[in-house]
PDB file of N, CA and C in Angstrom:
ATOM      1  N   MET A   1     -42.629 -64.254  50.161  1.00  0.00           N
ATOM      2  CA  MET A   1     -43.259 -64.005  48.884  1.00  0.00           C
ATOM      3  C   MET A   1     -43.636 -62.535  48.744  1.00  0.00           C
ATOM      4  N   ALA A   2     -44.214 -61.961  49.796  1.00  0.00           N
ATOM      5  CA  ALA A   2     -44.611 -60.550  49.735  1.00  0.00           C
ATOM      6  C   ALA A   2     -43.390 -59.646  49.680  1.00  0.00           C
ATOM      7  N   THR A   3     -42.317 -60.042  50.353  1.00  0.00           N
ATOM      8  CA  THR A   3     -41.093 -59.245  50.328  1.00  0.00           C
ATOM      9  C   THR A   3     -40.490 -59.237  48.937  1.00  0.00           C
ATOM     10  N   ASP A   4     -40.532 -60.389  48.277  1.00  0.00           N
ATOM     11  CA  ASP A   4     -40.015 -60.483  46.916  1.00  0.00           C
ATOM     12  C   ASP A   4     -40.791 -59.561  45.979  1.00  0.00           C
ATOM     13  N   THR A   5     -42.098 -59.512  46.124  1.00  0.00           N
ATOM     14  CA  THR A   5     -42.938 -58.654  45.288  1.00  0.00           C
ATOM     15  C   THR A   5     -42.652 -57.185  45.567  1.00  0.00           C
ATOM     16  N   ALA A   6     -42.471 -56.827  46.834  1.00  0.00           N
ATOM     17  CA  ALA A   6     -42.176 -55.437  47.201  1.00  0.00           C
ATOM     18  C   ALA A   6     -40.810 -55.016  46.662  1.00  0.00           C
ATOM     19  N   GLU A   7     -39.835 -55.909  46.724  1.00  0.00           N
ATOM     20  CA  GLU A   7     -38.500 -55.595  46.213  1.00  0.00           C
ATOM     21  C   GLU A   7     -38.519 -55.426  44.699  1.00  0.00           C
ATOM     22  N   ARG A   8     -39.276 -56.274  44.026  1.00  0.00           N
ATOM     23  CA  ARG A   8     -39.376 -56.160  42.566  1.00  0.00           C
ATOM     24  C   ARG A   8     -40.053 -54.853  42.181  1.00  0.00           C
ATOM     25  N   ARG A   9     -41.087 -54.477  42.932  1.00  0.00           N
ATOM     26  CA  ARG A   9     -41.785 -53.222  42.653  1.00  0.00           C
ATOM     27  C   ARG A   9     -40.857 -52.034  42.895  1.00  0.00           C
ATOM     28  N   ALA A  10     -40.087 -52.062  43.973  1.00  0.00           N
ATOM     29  CA  ALA A  10     -39.157 -50.974  44.278  1.00  0.00           C
ATOM     30  C   ALA A  10     -38.096 -50.852  43.182  1.00  0.00           C
ATOM     31  N   ALA A  11     -37.600 -51.974  42.706  1.00  0.00           N
ATOM     32  CA  ALA A  11     -36.612 -51.945  41.623  1.00  0.00           C
ATOM     33  C   ALA A  11     -37.230 -51.407  40.341  1.00  0.00           C
ATOM     34  N   HIS A  12     -38.480 -51.756  40.092  1.00  0.00           N
ATOM     35  CA  HIS A  12     -39.171 -51.266  38.897  1.00  0.00           C
ATOM     36  C   HIS A  12     -39.389 -49.753  38.970  1.00  0.00           C
ATOM     37  N   VAL A  13     -39.815 -49.262  40.113  1.00  0.00           N
ATOM     38  CA  VAL A  13     -40.034 -47.818  40.294  1.00  0.00           C
ATOM     39  C   VAL A  13     -38.713 -47.068  40.167  1.00  0.00           C
ATOM     40  N   ARG A  14     -37.642 -47.637  40.710  1.00  0.00           N
ATOM     41  CA  ARG A  14     -36.314 -47.023  40.586  1.00  0.00           C
ATOM     42  C   ARG A  14     -35.919 -46.912  39.117  1.00  0.00           C
ATOM     43  N   GLY A  15     -36.131 -47.972  38.357  1.00  0.00           N
ATOM     44  CA  GLY A  15     -35.817 -47.957  36.932  1.00  0.00           C
ATOM     45  C   GLY A  15     -36.648 -46.951  36.165  1.00  0.00           C
ATOM     46  N   LEU A  16     -37.914 -46.829  36.525  1.00  0.00           N
ATOM     47  CA  LEU A  16     -38.774 -45.835  35.877  1.00  0.00           C
ATOM     48  C   LEU A  16     -38.286 -44.417  36.145  1.00  0.00           C
ATOM     49  N   LYS A  17     -37.893 -44.143  37.381  1.00  0.00           N
ATOM     50  CA  LYS A  17     -37.406 -42.805  37.729  1.00  0.00           C
ATOM     51  C   LYS A  17     -36.140 -42.468  36.951  1.00  0.00           C
ATOM     52  N   VAL A  18     -35.208 -43.406  36.904  1.00  0.00           N
ATOM     53  CA  VAL A  18     -33.936 -43.168  36.218  1.00  0.00           C
ATOM     54  C   VAL A  18     -34.158 -42.978  34.721  1.00  0.00           C
ATOM     55  N   THR A  19     -34.960 -43.828  34.111  1.00  0.00           N
ATOM     56  CA  THR A  19     -35.206 -43.741  32.671  1.00  0.00           C
ATOM     57  C   THR A  19     -35.970 -42.477  32.308  1.00  0.00           C
ATOM     58  N   THR A  20     -36.981 -42.135  33.086  1.00  0.00           N
ATOM     59  CA  THR A  20     -37.769 -40.935  32.804  1.00  0.00           C
ATOM     60  C   THR A  20     -36.919 -39.684  32.916  1.00  0.00           C
ATOM     61  N   LEU A  21     -36.136 -39.589  33.978  1.00  0.00           N
ATOM     62  CA  LEU A  21     -35.296 -38.404  34.153  1.00  0.00           C
ATOM     63  C   LEU A  21     -34.240 -38.315  33.057  1.00  0.00           C
ATOM     64  N   SER A  22     -33.646 -39.432  32.670  1.00  0.00           N
ATOM     65  CA  SER A  22     -32.644 -39.420  31.602  1.00  0.00           C
ATOM     66  C   SER A  22     -33.248 -38.976  30.278  1.00  0.00           C
ATOM     67  N   SER A  23     -34.444 -39.439  29.989  1.00  0.00           N
ATOM     68  CA  SER A  23     -35.116 -39.054  28.743  1.00  0.00           C
ATOM     69  C   SER A  23     -35.468 -37.573  28.732  1.00  0.00           C
ATOM     70  N   ILE A  24     -36.040 -37.094  29.819  1.00  0.00           N
ATOM     71  CA  ILE A  24     -36.401 -35.675  29.901  1.00  0.00           C
ATOM     72  C   ILE A  24     -35.155 -34.800  29.846  1.00  0.00           C
ATOM     73  N   ALA A  25     -34.090 -35.218  30.523  1.00  0.00           N
ATOM     74  CA  ALA A  25     -32.849 -34.447  30.507  1.00  0.00           C
ATOM     75  C   ALA A  25     -32.241 -34.407  29.108  1.00  0.00           C
ATOM     76  N   GLY A  26     -32.306 -35.506  28.374  1.00  0.00           N
ATOM     77  CA  GLY A  26     -31.773 -35.529  27.013  1.00  0.00           C
ATOM     78  C   GLY A  26     -32.531 -34.613  26.080  1.00  0.00           C
ATOM     79  N   ILE A  27     -33.856 -34.633  26.168  1.00  0.00           N
ATOM     80  CA  ILE A  27     -34.664 -33.758  25.316  1.00  0.00           C
ATOM     81  C   ILE A  27     -34.488 -32.303  25.737  1.00  0.00           C
ATOM     82  N   GLY A  28     -34.430 -32.058  27.036  1.00  0.00           N
ATOM     83  CA  GLY A  28     -34.188 -30.697  27.522  1.00  0.00           C
ATOM     84  C   GLY A  28     -32.828 -30.172  27.096  1.00  0.00           C
ATOM     85  N   ALA A  29     -31.826 -31.038  27.108  1.00  0.00           N
ATOM     86  CA  ALA A  29     -30.496 -30.637  26.663  1.00  0.00           C
ATOM     87  C   ALA A  29     -30.488 -30.321  25.173  1.00  0.00           C
ATOM     88  N   ALA A  30     -31.292 -31.030  24.392  1.00  0.00           N
ATOM     89  CA  ALA A  30     -31.388 -30.744  22.956  1.00  0.00           C
ATOM     90  C   ALA A  30     -32.003 -29.372  22.722  1.00  0.00           C
ATOM     91  N   VAL A  31     -33.049 -29.057  23.457  1.00  0.00           N
ATOM     92  CA  VAL A  31     -33.680 -27.737  23.325  1.00  0.00           C
ATOM     93  C   VAL A  31     -32.708 -26.650  23.780  1.00  0.00           C
ATOM     94  N   ALA A  32     -32.003 -26.898  24.881  1.00  0.00           N
ATOM     95  CA  ALA A  32     -31.020 -25.928  25.367  1.00  0.00           C
ATOM     96  C   ALA A  32     -29.867 -25.774  24.374  1.00  0.00           C
ATOM     97  N   SER A  33     -29.418 -26.862  23.778  1.00  0.00           N
ATOM     98  CA  SER A  33     -28.354 -26.787  22.773  1.00  0.00           C
ATOM     99  C   SER A  33     -28.805 -25.986  21.568  1.00  0.00           C
ATOM    100  N   SER A  34     -30.043 -26.175  21.177  1.00  0.00           N
ATOM    101  CA  SER A  34     -30.587 -25.420  20.053  1.00  0.00           C
ATOM    102  C   SER A  34     -30.650 -23.934  20.382  1.00  0.00           C
ATOM    103  N   ALA A  35     -31.028 -23.615  21.611  1.00  0.00           N
ATOM    104  CA  ALA A  35     -31.105 -22.212  22.022  1.00  0.00           C
ATOM    105  C   ALA A  35     -29.717 -21.587  22.123  1.00  0.00           C
ATOM    106  N   VAL A  36     -28.754 -22.344  22.652  1.00  0.00           N
ATOM    107  CA  VAL A  36     -27.399 -21.815  22.843  1.00  0.00           C
ATOM    108  C   VAL A  36     -26.689 -21.611  21.507  1.00  0.00           C
ATOM    109  N   THR A  37     -26.933 -22.495  20.560  1.00  0.00           N
ATOM    110  CA  THR A  37     -26.230 -22.412  19.274  1.00  0.00           C
ATOM    111  C   THR A  37     -27.017 -21.652  18.215  1.00  0.00           C
ATOM    112  N   ALA A  38     -28.145 -21.080  18.585  1.00  0.00           N
ATOM    113  CA  ALA A  38     -28.949 -20.318  17.621  1.00  0.00           C
ATOM    114  C   ALA A  38     -28.141 -19.132  17.101  1.00  0.00           C
ATOM    115  N   GLY A  39     -28.165 -18.956  15.812  1.00  0.00           N
ATOM    116  CA  GLY A  39     -27.451 -17.847  15.195  1.00  0.00           C
ATOM    117  C   GLY A  39     -26.011 -18.156  14.828  1.00  0.00           C
ATOM    118  N   MET A  40     -25.499 -19.293  15.239  1.00  0.00           N
ATOM    119  CA  MET A  40     -24.133 -19.667  14.868  1.00  0.00           C
ATOM    120  C   MET A  40     -24.108 -20.090  13.411  1.00  0.00           C
ATOM    121  N   GLU A  41     -22.947 -19.902  12.788  1.00  0.00           N
ATOM    122  CA  GLU A  41     -22.814 -20.256  11.380  1.00  0.00           C
ATOM    123  C   GLU A  41     -22.962 -21.757  11.162  1.00  0.00           C
ATOM    124  N   ASN A  42     -22.328 -22.545  12.025  1.00  0.00           N
ATOM    125  CA  ASN A  42     -22.409 -24.002  11.912  1.00  0.00           C
ATOM    126  C   ASN A  42     -22.666 -24.589  13.304  1.00  0.00           C
ATOM    127  N   PRO A  43     -23.919 -24.616  13.748  1.00  0.00           N
ATOM    128  CA  PRO A  43     -24.203 -25.059  15.117  1.00  0.00           C
ATOM    129  C   PRO A  43     -23.918 -26.536  15.372  1.00  0.00           C
ATOM    130  N   ALA A  44     -23.905 -27.351  14.340  1.00  0.00           N
ATOM    131  CA  ALA A  44     -23.703 -28.790  14.533  1.00  0.00           C
ATOM    132  C   ALA A  44     -22.303 -29.118  15.037  1.00  0.00           C
ATOM    133  N   THR A  45     -21.342 -28.241  14.820  1.00  0.00           N
ATOM    134  CA  THR A  45     -19.974 -28.500  15.261  1.00  0.00           C
ATOM    135  C   THR A  45     -19.613 -27.716  16.516  1.00  0.00           C
ATOM    136  N   SER A  46     -20.587 -27.183  17.199  1.00  0.00           N
ATOM    137  CA  SER A  46     -20.341 -26.361  18.380  1.00  0.00           C
ATOM    138  C   SER A  46     -19.967 -27.216  19.588  1.00  0.00           C
ATOM    139  N   ASP A  47     -18.883 -26.840  20.245  1.00  0.00           N
ATOM    140  CA  ASP A  47     -18.492 -27.522  21.476  1.00  0.00           C
ATOM    141  C   ASP A  47     -19.407 -27.143  22.637  1.00  0.00           C
ATOM    142  N   THR A  48     -20.047 -26.005  22.527  1.00  0.00           N
ATOM    143  CA  THR A  48     -20.956 -25.556  23.579  1.00  0.00           C
ATOM    144  C   THR A  48     -22.118 -26.530  23.750  1.00  0.00           C
ATOM    145  N   ALA A  49     -22.593 -27.096  22.656  1.00  0.00           N
ATOM    146  CA  ALA A  49     -23.697 -28.059  22.731  1.00  0.00           C
ATOM    147  C   ALA A  49     -23.277 -29.309  23.508  1.00  0.00           C
ATOM    148  N   LEU A  50     -22.029 -29.716  23.360  1.00  0.00           N
ATOM    149  CA  LEU A  50     -21.539 -30.868  24.120  1.00  0.00           C
ATOM    150  C   LEU A  50     -21.463 -30.555  25.609  1.00  0.00           C
ATOM    151  N   LEU A  51     -21.092 -29.330  25.934  1.00  0.00           N
ATOM    152  CA  LEU A  51     -21.059 -28.937  27.341  1.00  0.00           C
ATOM    153  C   LEU A  51     -22.459 -28.957  27.949  1.00  0.00           C
ATOM    154  N   VAL A  52     -23.446 -28.596  27.142  1.00  0.00           N
ATOM    155  CA  VAL A  52     -24.835 -28.621  27.621  1.00  0.00           C
ATOM    156  C   VAL A  52     -25.249 -30.049  27.963  1.00  0.00           C
ATOM    157  N   VAL A  53     -24.953 -30.998  27.101  1.00  0.00           N
ATOM    158  CA  VAL A  53     -25.361 -32.386  27.373  1.00  0.00           C
ATOM    159  C   VAL A  53     -24.553 -32.980  28.532  1.00  0.00           C
ATOM    160  N   LEU A  54     -23.295 -32.615  28.661  1.00  0.00           N
ATOM    161  CA  LEU A  54     -22.513 -33.085  29.810  1.00  0.00           C
ATOM    162  C   LEU A  54     -23.077 -32.527  31.111  1.00  0.00           C
ATOM    163  N   GLY A  55     -23.474 -31.264  31.079  1.00  0.00           N
ATOM    164  CA  GLY A  55     -24.111 -30.675  32.257  1.00  0.00           C
ATOM    165  C   GLY A  55     -25.422 -31.361  32.591  1.00  0.00           C
ATOM    166  N   ALA A  56     -26.180 -31.722  31.558  1.00  0.00           N
ATOM    167  CA  ALA A  56     -27.457 -32.416  31.776  1.00  0.00           C
ATOM    168  C   ALA A  56     -27.234 -33.786  32.411  1.00  0.00           C
ATOM    169  N   ILE A  57     -26.155 -34.445  32.036  1.00  0.00           N
ATOM    170  CA  ILE A  57     -25.846 -35.752  32.626  1.00  0.00           C
ATOM    171  C   ILE A  57     -25.459 -35.589  34.093  1.00  0.00           C
ATOM    172  N   LEU A  58     -24.605 -34.623  34.371  1.00  0.00           N
ATOM    173  CA  LEU A  58     -24.107 -34.452  35.738  1.00  0.00           C
ATOM    174  C   LEU A  58     -25.174 -33.964  36.709  1.00  0.00           C
ATOM    175  N   VAL A  59     -26.090 -33.152  36.238  1.00  0.00           N
ATOM    176  CA  VAL A  59     -27.107 -32.589  37.135  1.00  0.00           C
ATOM    177  C   VAL A  59     -28.159 -33.626  37.536  1.00  0.00           C
ATOM    178  N   GLN A  60     -28.212 -34.740  36.842  1.00  0.00           N
ATOM    179  CA  GLN A  60     -29.222 -35.757  37.139  1.00  0.00           C
ATOM    180  C   GLN A  60     -28.988 -36.479  38.462  1.00  0.00           C
ATOM    181  N   PHE A  61     -27.741 -36.645  38.851  1.00  0.00           N
ATOM    182  CA  PHE A  61     -27.457 -37.449  40.036  1.00  0.00           C
ATOM    183  C   PHE A  61     -27.960 -36.794  41.322  1.00  0.00           C
ATOM    184  N   PRO A  62     -27.785 -35.489  41.520  1.00  0.00           N
ATOM    185  CA  PRO A  62     -28.418 -34.876  42.700  1.00  0.00           C
ATOM    186  C   PRO A  62     -29.948 -34.904  42.629  1.00  0.00           C
ATOM    187  N   ILE A  63     -30.497 -34.778  41.424  1.00  0.00           N
ATOM    188  CA  ILE A  63     -31.954 -34.838  41.276  1.00  0.00           C
ATOM    189  C   ILE A  63     -32.462 -36.235  41.624  1.00  0.00           C
ATOM    190  N   LEU A  64     -31.761 -37.259  41.152  1.00  0.00           N
ATOM    191  CA  LEU A  64     -32.153 -38.635  41.482  1.00  0.00           C
ATOM    192  C   LEU A  64     -32.090 -38.873  42.987  1.00  0.00           C
ATOM    193  N   LYS A  65     -31.060 -38.323  43.617  1.00  0.00           N
ATOM    194  CA  LYS A  65     -30.952 -38.460  45.067  1.00  0.00           C
ATOM    195  C   LYS A  65     -32.139 -37.791  45.751  1.00  0.00           C
ATOM    196  N   GLY A  66     -32.550 -36.631  45.234  1.00  0.00           N
ATOM    197  CA  GLY A  66     -33.713 -35.940  45.778  1.00  0.00           C
ATOM    198  C   GLY A  66     -35.012 -36.690  45.545  1.00  0.00           C
ATOM    199  N   LEU A  67     -35.064 -37.486  44.489  1.00  0.00           N
ATOM    200  CA  LEU A  67     -36.257 -38.291  44.196  1.00  0.00           C
ATOM    201  C   LEU A  67     -36.300 -39.597  44.992  1.00  0.00           C
ATOM    202  N   GLY A  68     -35.277 -39.828  45.800  1.00  0.00           N
ATOM    203  CA  GLY A  68     -35.276 -41.019  46.641  1.00  0.00           C
ATOM    204  C   GLY A  68     -34.550 -42.213  46.060  1.00  0.00           C
ATOM    205  N   VAL A  69     -33.838 -42.025  44.965  1.00  0.00           N
ATOM    206  CA  VAL A  69     -33.059 -43.115  44.378  1.00  0.00           C
ATOM    207  C   VAL A  69     -31.700 -43.143  45.069  1.00  0.00           C
ATOM    208  N   ASP A  70     -31.270 -44.314  45.508  1.00  0.00           N
ATOM    209  CA  ASP A  70     -29.993 -44.452  46.208  1.00  0.00           C
ATOM    210  C   ASP A  70     -28.851 -44.402  45.197  1.00  0.00           C
ATOM    211  N   VAL A  71     -28.356 -43.197  44.944  1.00  0.00           N
ATOM    212  CA  VAL A  71     -27.294 -42.997  43.961  1.00  0.00           C
ATOM    213  C   VAL A  71     -25.977 -43.582  44.458  1.00  0.00           C
ATOM    214  N   ASP A  72     -25.799 -43.658  45.772  1.00  0.00           N
ATOM    215  CA  ASP A  72     -24.574 -44.235  46.327  1.00  0.00           C
ATOM    216  C   ASP A  72     -24.457 -45.717  45.994  1.00  0.00           C
ATOM    217  N   ASP A  73     -25.573 -46.339  45.653  1.00  0.00           N
ATOM    218  CA  ASP A  73     -25.604 -47.759  45.315  1.00  0.00           C
ATOM    219  C   ASP A  73     -25.349 -48.001  43.824  1.00  0.00           C
ATOM    220  N   PHE A  74     -25.181 -46.933  43.040  1.00  0.00           N
ATOM    221  CA  PHE A  74     -24.962 -47.058  41.599  1.00  0.00           C
ATOM    222  C   PHE A  74     -23.613 -47.701  41.318  1.00  0.00           C
ATOM    223  N   GLY A  75     -23.602 -48.549  40.304  1.00  0.00           N
ATOM    224  CA  GLY A  75     -22.364 -49.118  39.808  1.00  0.00           C
ATOM    225  C   GLY A  75     -22.012 -48.486  38.470  1.00  0.00           C
ATOM    226  N   ALA A  76     -20.966 -48.978  37.850  1.00  0.00           N
ATOM    227  CA  ALA A  76     -20.538 -48.437  36.554  1.00  0.00           C
ATOM    228  C   ALA A  76     -21.638 -48.591  35.507  1.00  0.00           C
ATOM    229  N   LYS A  77     -22.346 -49.697  35.558  1.00  0.00           N
ATOM    230  CA  LYS A  77     -23.420 -49.952  34.599  1.00  0.00           C
ATOM    231  C   LYS A  77     -24.519 -48.894  34.711  1.00  0.00           C
ATOM    232  N   ASP A  78     -24.859 -48.496  35.921  1.00  0.00           N
ATOM    233  CA  ASP A  78     -25.901 -47.491  36.124  1.00  0.00           C
ATOM    234  C   ASP A  78     -25.460 -46.124  35.610  1.00  0.00           C
ATOM    235  N   TYR A  79     -24.230 -45.742  35.895  1.00  0.00           N
ATOM    236  CA  TYR A  79     -23.716 -44.457  35.413  1.00  0.00           C
ATOM    237  C   TYR A  79     -23.653 -44.431  33.882  1.00  0.00           C
ATOM    238  N   LEU A  80     -23.206 -45.529  33.295  1.00  0.00           N
ATOM    239  CA  LEU A  80     -23.163 -45.610  31.834  1.00  0.00           C
ATOM    240  C   LEU A  80     -24.561 -45.564  31.234  1.00  0.00           C
ATOM    241  N   TYR A  81     -25.524 -46.181  31.893  1.00  0.00           N
ATOM    242  CA  TYR A  81     -26.903 -46.165  31.413  1.00  0.00           C
ATOM    243  C   TYR A  81     -27.452 -44.743  31.400  1.00  0.00           C
ATOM    244  N   VAL A  82     -27.271 -44.014  32.489  1.00  0.00           N
ATOM    245  CA  VAL A  82     -27.756 -42.629  32.568  1.00  0.00           C
ATOM    246  C   VAL A  82     -27.080 -41.784  31.496  1.00  0.00           C
ATOM    247  N   GLY A  83     -25.771 -41.923  31.357  1.00  0.00           N
ATOM    248  CA  GLY A  83     -25.044 -41.152  30.348  1.00  0.00           C
ATOM    249  C   GLY A  83     -25.471 -41.494  28.936  1.00  0.00           C
ATOM    250  N   PHE A  84     -25.621 -42.771  28.646  1.00  0.00           N
ATOM    251  CA  PHE A  84     -26.001 -43.174  27.296  1.00  0.00           C
ATOM    252  C   PHE A  84     -27.415 -42.740  26.953  1.00  0.00           C
ATOM    253  N   MET A  85     -28.351 -42.950  27.861  1.00  0.00           N
ATOM    254  CA  MET A  85     -29.742 -42.568  27.592  1.00  0.00           C
ATOM    255  C   MET A  85     -29.865 -41.066  27.364  1.00  0.00           C
ATOM    256  N   THR A  86     -29.197 -40.284  28.191  1.00  0.00           N
ATOM    257  CA  THR A  86     -29.254 -38.833  28.037  1.00  0.00           C
ATOM    258  C   THR A  86     -28.624 -38.423  26.715  1.00  0.00           C
ATOM    259  N   PHE A  87     -27.453 -38.972  26.411  1.00  0.00           N
ATOM    260  CA  PHE A  87     -26.774 -38.627  25.166  1.00  0.00           C
ATOM    261  C   PHE A  87     -27.600 -39.047  23.953  1.00  0.00           C
ATOM    262  N   ALA A  88     -28.170 -40.237  23.989  1.00  0.00           N
ATOM    263  CA  ALA A  88     -28.945 -40.731  22.845  1.00  0.00           C
ATOM    264  C   ALA A  88     -30.165 -39.857  22.578  1.00  0.00           C
ATOM    265  N   LEU A  89     -30.904 -39.511  23.625  1.00  0.00           N
ATOM    266  CA  LEU A  89     -32.079 -38.653  23.441  1.00  0.00           C
ATOM    267  C   LEU A  89     -31.664 -37.261  22.989  1.00  0.00           C
ATOM    268  N   TRP A  90     -30.559 -36.741  23.531  1.00  0.00           N
ATOM    269  CA  TRP A  90     -30.047 -35.437  23.103  1.00  0.00           C
ATOM    270  C   TRP A  90     -29.644 -35.487  21.627  1.00  0.00           C
ATOM    271  N   PHE A  91     -28.916 -36.514  21.238  1.00  0.00           N
ATOM    272  CA  PHE A  91     -28.410 -36.628  19.874  1.00  0.00           C
ATOM    273  C   PHE A  91     -29.548 -36.681  18.857  1.00  0.00           C
ATOM    274  N   VAL A  92     -30.528 -37.520  19.124  1.00  0.00           N
ATOM    275  CA  VAL A  92     -31.655 -37.661  18.198  1.00  0.00           C
ATOM    276  C   VAL A  92     -32.497 -36.387  18.173  1.00  0.00           C
ATOM    277  N   SER A  93     -32.818 -35.860  19.345  1.00  0.00           N
ATOM    278  CA  SER A  93     -33.673 -34.667  19.411  1.00  0.00           C
ATOM    279  C   SER A  93     -32.990 -33.453  18.803  1.00  0.00           C
ATOM    280  N   TRP A  94     -31.727 -33.251  19.111  1.00  0.00           N
ATOM    281  CA  TRP A  94     -31.013 -32.102  18.557  1.00  0.00           C
ATOM    282  C   TRP A  94     -30.815 -32.275  17.052  1.00  0.00           C
ATOM    283  N   GLY A  95     -30.591 -33.510  16.607  1.00  0.00           N
ATOM    284  CA  GLY A  95     -30.501 -33.770  15.168  1.00  0.00           C
ATOM    285  C   GLY A  95     -31.780 -33.408  14.441  1.00  0.00           C
ATOM    286  N   VAL A  96     -32.911 -33.730  15.034  1.00  0.00           N
ATOM    287  CA  VAL A  96     -34.202 -33.361  14.435  1.00  0.00           C
ATOM    288  C   VAL A  96     -34.353 -31.844  14.405  1.00  0.00           C
ATOM    289  N   LEU A  97     -33.996 -31.181  15.499  1.00  0.00           N
ATOM    290  CA  LEU A  97     -34.098 -29.717  15.547  1.00  0.00           C
ATOM    291  C   LEU A  97     -33.174 -29.061  14.523  1.00  0.00           C
ATOM    292  N   LEU A  98     -31.975 -29.598  14.353  1.00  0.00           N
ATOM    293  CA  LEU A  98     -31.049 -29.038  13.361  1.00  0.00           C
ATOM    294  C   LEU A  98     -31.542 -29.289  11.943  1.00  0.00           C
ATOM    295  N   THR A  99     -32.033 -30.482  11.687  1.00  0.00           N
ATOM    296  CA  THR A  99     -32.504 -30.831  10.350  1.00  0.00           C
ATOM    297  C   THR A  99     -33.720 -30.005   9.954  1.00  0.00           C
ATOM    298  N   ALA A 100     -34.605 -29.771  10.908  1.00  0.00           N
ATOM    299  CA  ALA A 100     -35.814 -28.996  10.636  1.00  0.00           C
ATOM    300  C   ALA A 100     -35.537 -27.495  10.615  1.00  0.00           C
ATOM    301  N   ASN A 101     -34.287 -27.113  10.929  1.00  0.00           N
ATOM    302  CA  ASN A 101     -33.890 -25.702  10.964  1.00  0.00           C
ATOM    303  C   ASN A 101     -34.838 -24.909  11.865  1.00  0.00           C
ATOM    304  N   THR A 102     -35.072 -25.448  13.033  1.00  0.00           N
ATOM    305  CA  THR A 102     -36.019 -24.878  13.978  1.00  0.00           C
ATOM    306  C   THR A 102     -35.415 -23.684  14.701  1.00  0.00           C
ATOM    307  N   THR A 103     -36.210 -22.633  14.843  1.00  0.00           N
ATOM    308  CA  THR A 103     -35.809 -21.505  15.679  1.00  0.00           C
ATOM    309  C   THR A 103     -36.736 -21.468  16.883  1.00  0.00           C
ATOM    310  N   LEU A 104     -36.154 -21.292  18.038  1.00  0.00           N
ATOM    311  CA  LEU A 104     -36.944 -21.279  19.262  1.00  0.00           C
ATOM    312  C   LEU A 104     -37.377 -19.855  19.577  1.00  0.00           C
ATOM    313  N   PRO A 105     -38.531 -19.683  20.180  1.00  0.00           N
ATOM    314  CA  PRO A 105     -39.063 -18.342  20.422  1.00  0.00           C
ATOM    315  C   PRO A 105     -38.405 -17.604  21.583  1.00  0.00           C
ATOM    316  N   PHE A 106     -37.358 -18.141  22.163  1.00  0.00           N
ATOM    317  CA  PHE A 106     -36.697 -17.432  23.266  1.00  0.00           C
ATOM    318  C   PHE A 106     -35.239 -17.242  23.002  1.00  0.00           C
TER     319      PHE A 106
END
Protein backbone atom coordinates (compact mmCIF):
# COMPACT_ATOMS: atom_id res chain seq x y z
CA MET A 1 0.00 0.00 0.00
CA ALA A 2 2.78 2.44 0.89
CA THR A 3 4.69 1.53 -2.26
CA ASP A 4 1.62 2.25 -4.37
CA THR A 5 1.28 5.69 -2.76
CA ALA A 6 4.98 6.46 -3.28
CA GLU A 7 4.80 5.42 -6.94
CA ARG A 8 1.72 7.55 -7.52
CA ARG A 9 3.43 10.53 -5.89
CA ALA A 10 6.56 10.02 -8.02
CA ALA A 11 4.46 9.87 -11.18
CA HIS A 12 2.61 13.02 -10.12
CA VAL A 13 5.84 14.93 -9.45
CA ARG A 14 7.22 13.76 -12.81
CA GLY A 15 4.10 15.07 -14.55
CA LEU A 16 4.36 18.39 -12.74
CA LYS A 17 7.99 18.82 -13.79
CA VAL A 18 7.26 18.02 -17.43
CA THR A 19 4.18 20.26 -17.62
CA THR A 20 5.80 23.18 -15.81
CA LEU A 21 8.92 23.10 -17.96
CA SER A 22 6.87 22.81 -21.17
CA SER A 23 4.72 25.78 -20.18
CA ILE A 24 7.68 27.96 -19.21
CA ALA A 25 9.54 26.98 -22.38
CA GLY A 26 6.53 27.86 -24.55
CA ILE A 27 6.11 31.28 -22.98
CA GLY A 28 9.86 31.89 -23.10
CA ALA A 29 9.91 30.91 -26.76
CA ALA A 30 7.11 33.40 -27.44
CA VAL A 31 9.08 36.21 -25.82
CA ALA A 32 12.21 35.15 -27.72
CA SER A 33 10.25 34.98 -30.99
CA SER A 34 8.93 38.47 -30.35
CA ALA A 35 12.46 39.73 -29.70
CA VAL A 36 13.92 37.98 -32.76
CA THR A 37 11.21 39.20 -35.14
CA ALA A 38 11.07 42.75 -33.77
CA GLY A 39 11.35 45.27 -36.56
CA MET A 40 10.40 42.83 -39.32
CA GLU A 41 7.78 43.95 -41.79
CA ASN A 42 5.61 40.88 -41.23
CA PRO A 43 6.80 38.99 -38.12
CA ALA A 44 3.88 36.55 -38.10
CA THR A 45 5.21 34.77 -41.19
CA SER A 46 8.81 34.56 -40.01
CA ASP A 47 10.47 31.15 -40.19
CA THR A 48 12.89 32.29 -37.51
CA ALA A 49 10.10 32.20 -34.93
CA LEU A 50 9.47 28.54 -35.76
CA LEU A 51 13.14 27.77 -35.26
CA VAL A 52 12.93 29.38 -31.83
CA VAL A 53 10.04 27.15 -30.74
CA LEU A 54 11.72 24.04 -32.17
CA GLY A 55 14.85 24.92 -30.21
CA ALA A 56 12.74 25.39 -27.08
CA ILE A 57 11.27 21.92 -27.54
CA LEU A 58 14.64 20.25 -28.09
CA VAL A 59 16.41 21.95 -25.19
CA GLN A 60 13.85 20.64 -22.69
CA PHE A 61 14.98 17.02 -22.78
CA PRO A 62 18.48 17.62 -21.33
CA ILE A 63 16.92 19.96 -18.75
CA LEU A 64 14.39 17.29 -17.77
CA LYS A 65 17.21 14.79 -17.43
CA GLY A 66 19.00 17.26 -15.15
CA LEU A 67 15.84 17.63 -13.07
CA GLY A 68 15.80 13.89 -12.43
CA VAL A 69 13.13 12.86 -14.93
CA ASP A 70 13.98 9.58 -16.68
CA VAL A 71 13.88 10.80 -20.28
CA ASP A 72 15.11 7.41 -21.52
CA ASP A 73 11.78 6.01 -20.34
CA PHE A 74 9.78 8.43 -22.55
CA GLY A 75 7.53 6.99 -25.20
CA ALA A 76 6.04 8.63 -28.28
CA LYS A 77 3.14 9.93 -26.20
CA ASP A 78 5.51 11.76 -23.84
CA TYR A 79 7.49 13.37 -26.66
CA LEU A 80 4.29 14.46 -28.38
CA TYR A 81 2.99 15.88 -25.10
CA VAL A 82 6.12 17.99 -24.54
CA GLY A 83 6.05 19.20 -28.15
CA PHE A 84 2.35 20.01 -28.14
CA MET A 85 2.36 21.81 -24.79
CA THR A 86 5.36 23.92 -25.76
CA PHE A 87 3.91 24.74 -29.17
CA ALA A 88 0.47 25.56 -27.77
CA LEU A 89 1.81 27.94 -25.12
CA TRP A 90 4.16 29.52 -27.69
CA PHE A 91 1.35 29.93 -30.23
CA VAL A 92 -1.08 31.56 -27.81
CA SER A 93 1.52 33.74 -26.08
CA TRP A 94 3.16 34.92 -29.30
CA GLY A 95 -0.28 35.56 -30.81
CA VAL A 96 -1.12 37.81 -27.87
CA LEU A 97 2.21 39.63 -28.21
CA LEU A 98 1.67 40.12 -31.95
CA THR A 99 -1.92 41.27 -31.52
CA ALA A 100 -0.99 43.75 -28.80
CA ASN A 101 1.85 45.03 -31.01
CA THR A 102 4.18 44.69 -28.05
CA THR A 103 7.75 45.93 -28.19
CA LEU A 104 10.22 44.43 -25.77
CA PRO A 105 12.72 46.65 -23.97
CA PHE A 106 15.73 44.61 -25.11
